[in-house]
Structure formats: structure tokens, C-alpha cells
Protein backbone atom coordinates (compact mmCIF):
# COMPACT_ATOMS: atom_id res chain seq x y z
CA UNK A 1 11.89 15.41 -6.77
CA UNK A 2 12.80 13.37 -3.71
CA UNK A 3 9.43 14.10 -2.12
CA UNK A 4 7.64 12.86 -5.24
CA UNK A 5 9.72 9.68 -5.19
CA UNK A 6 8.87 9.08 -1.52
CA UNK A 7 5.16 9.59 -2.16
CA UNK A 8 5.21 7.22 -5.14
CA UNK A 9 7.02 4.59 -3.06
CA UNK A 10 4.48 4.96 -0.24
CA UNK A 11 1.61 4.33 -2.65
CA UNK A 12 3.49 1.41 -4.20
CA UNK A 13 4.19 -0.09 -0.79
CA UNK A 14 0.50 0.14 0.06
CA UNK A 15 -0.37 -1.66 -3.18
CA UNK A 16 2.19 -4.41 -2.47
CA UNK A 17 0.97 -4.74 1.11
CA UNK A 18 -2.64 -5.20 -0.06
CA UNK A 19 -1.50 -7.88 -2.51
CA UNK A 20 0.40 -9.78 0.18
CA UNK A 21 -2.55 -9.50 2.59
CA UNK A 22 -4.89 -10.85 -0.06
CA UNK A 23 -2.55 -13.74 -0.77
CA UNK A 24 -2.07 -14.65 2.90
CA UNK A 25 -5.84 -14.44 3.53
CA UNK A 26 -6.41 -16.77 0.60
CA UNK A 27 -3.87 -19.22 2.04
CA UNK A 28 -5.62 -19.15 5.42
CA UNK A 29 -9.00 -19.78 3.77
CA UNK A 30 -7.54 -22.64 1.71
CA UNK A 31 -6.01 -24.33 4.77
CA UNK A 32 -9.17 -23.84 6.83
CA UNK A 33 -11.39 -25.37 4.14
CA UNK A 34 -9.19 -28.40 3.56
CA UNK A 35 -8.41 -29.15 7.22
CA UNK A 36 -12.08 -28.84 8.09
CA UNK A 37 -14.05 -32.07 7.96
CA UNK A 38 -16.13 -30.86 5.04
CA UNK A 39 -16.73 -34.41 3.88
CA UNK A 40 -18.72 -35.16 7.07
CA UNK A 41 -21.31 -32.40 6.60
CA UNK A 42 -24.63 -32.71 4.82
CA UNK A 43 -24.31 -33.21 1.04
CA UNK A 44 -26.07 -29.95 0.16
CA UNK A 45 -23.61 -27.96 2.29
CA UNK A 46 -20.62 -29.91 0.92
CA UNK A 47 -21.83 -29.14 -2.60
CA UNK A 48 -21.71 -25.42 -1.76
CA UNK A 49 -18.16 -25.70 -0.39
CA UNK A 50 -16.67 -27.38 -3.48
CA UNK A 51 -16.62 -24.23 -5.70
CA UNK A 52 -15.17 -22.17 -2.83
CA UNK A 53 -12.42 -24.75 -2.39
CA UNK A 54 -11.67 -24.72 -6.12
CA UNK A 55 -11.34 -20.93 -6.16
CA UNK A 56 -9.25 -20.84 -2.95
CA UNK A 57 -6.80 -23.33 -4.46
CA UNK A 58 -5.45 -20.72 -6.90
CA UNK A 59 -3.21 -17.99 -5.43
CA UNK A 60 -4.72 -14.52 -5.41
CA UNK A 61 -2.40 -11.58 -6.10
CA UNK A 62 -2.51 -8.28 -7.86
CA UNK A 63 -0.73 -8.40 -11.19
CA UNK A 64 0.46 -5.90 -13.75
CA UNK A 65 0.42 -6.20 -17.54
CA UNK A 66 -2.21 -8.91 -17.72
CA UNK A 67 -0.56 -11.24 -15.22
CA UNK A 68 2.99 -10.90 -16.51
CA UNK A 69 4.30 -9.22 -13.34
CA UNK A 70 3.31 -10.38 -9.84
CA UNK A 71 2.91 -7.75 -7.17
CA UNK A 72 4.82 -8.92 -4.08
CA UNK A 73 7.36 -7.67 -1.55
CA UNK A 74 10.19 -9.28 -3.49
CA UNK A 75 9.28 -7.17 -6.51
CA UNK A 76 8.93 -4.05 -4.33
CA UNK A 77 12.42 -4.55 -2.90
CA UNK A 78 13.81 -5.07 -6.40
CA UNK A 79 12.30 -1.72 -7.47
CA UNK A 80 13.77 0.00 -4.39
CA UNK A 81 17.23 -1.47 -5.05
CA UNK A 82 17.11 -0.45 -8.70
CA UNK A 83 16.00 3.08 -7.80
CA UNK A 84 18.80 3.42 -5.29
CA UNK A 85 21.30 2.25 -7.89
CA UNK A 86 20.00 4.80 -10.41
CA UNK A 87 20.14 7.62 -7.85
CA UNK A 88 23.69 6.64 -6.84
CA UNK A 89 24.78 6.52 -10.46
CA UNK A 90 23.25 9.92 -11.17
CA UNK A 91 24.88 11.36 -8.05
CA UNK A 92 28.31 10.09 -9.10
CA UNK A 93 27.94 11.30 -12.68
CA UNK A 94 26.62 14.74 -11.80
């Protein structure tokens, strides 16, 4: 049972790590686009950058339940703390 829990947590951690990497990459893209002098380039190129800038403005993260639950390290740590509490409670009761 413990081995199954560890394997599930490893897969969950990987999912949370991918979500955080996606979010940080989106932040880097957003900062790079807006600190770049995009307004000094040719108009046809600037026109192509506008939709990219609009999409990069919104944070990108994996979500569960149709966007109700964000996938982030804070949530992962909350799940770990809750699991530890449940295991401790079960250990004390049994």
C-alpha cells in the first residue's frame, strides 16, 4: 500500500512540475514580448505579434474539474500534508 502511494505521488509530482514549468515559460515569454521593442518593427510583423501577446497575457496551468482546481506546488503540498495527517490518524487509531 505504501509503494502504491509513493508511485501515485511521483506521478502527481511530475504533473505538478509540468504545470509549473508551463506557467514559468509563459511568464518568460510574456516578459520577453513586452520588454522587446515590438512597436519599432515593421507593421506586418507587429500585427503577427499582437495575438501572441494576447495569449501570453493569460496564465497557463493545468487544471482539474474544468478549471475549478489549479495544479501547482501549493496544491501538491496540501495533498501531501493531508495524506500524512490521514496516515497518522489511521496509525493512532489502529
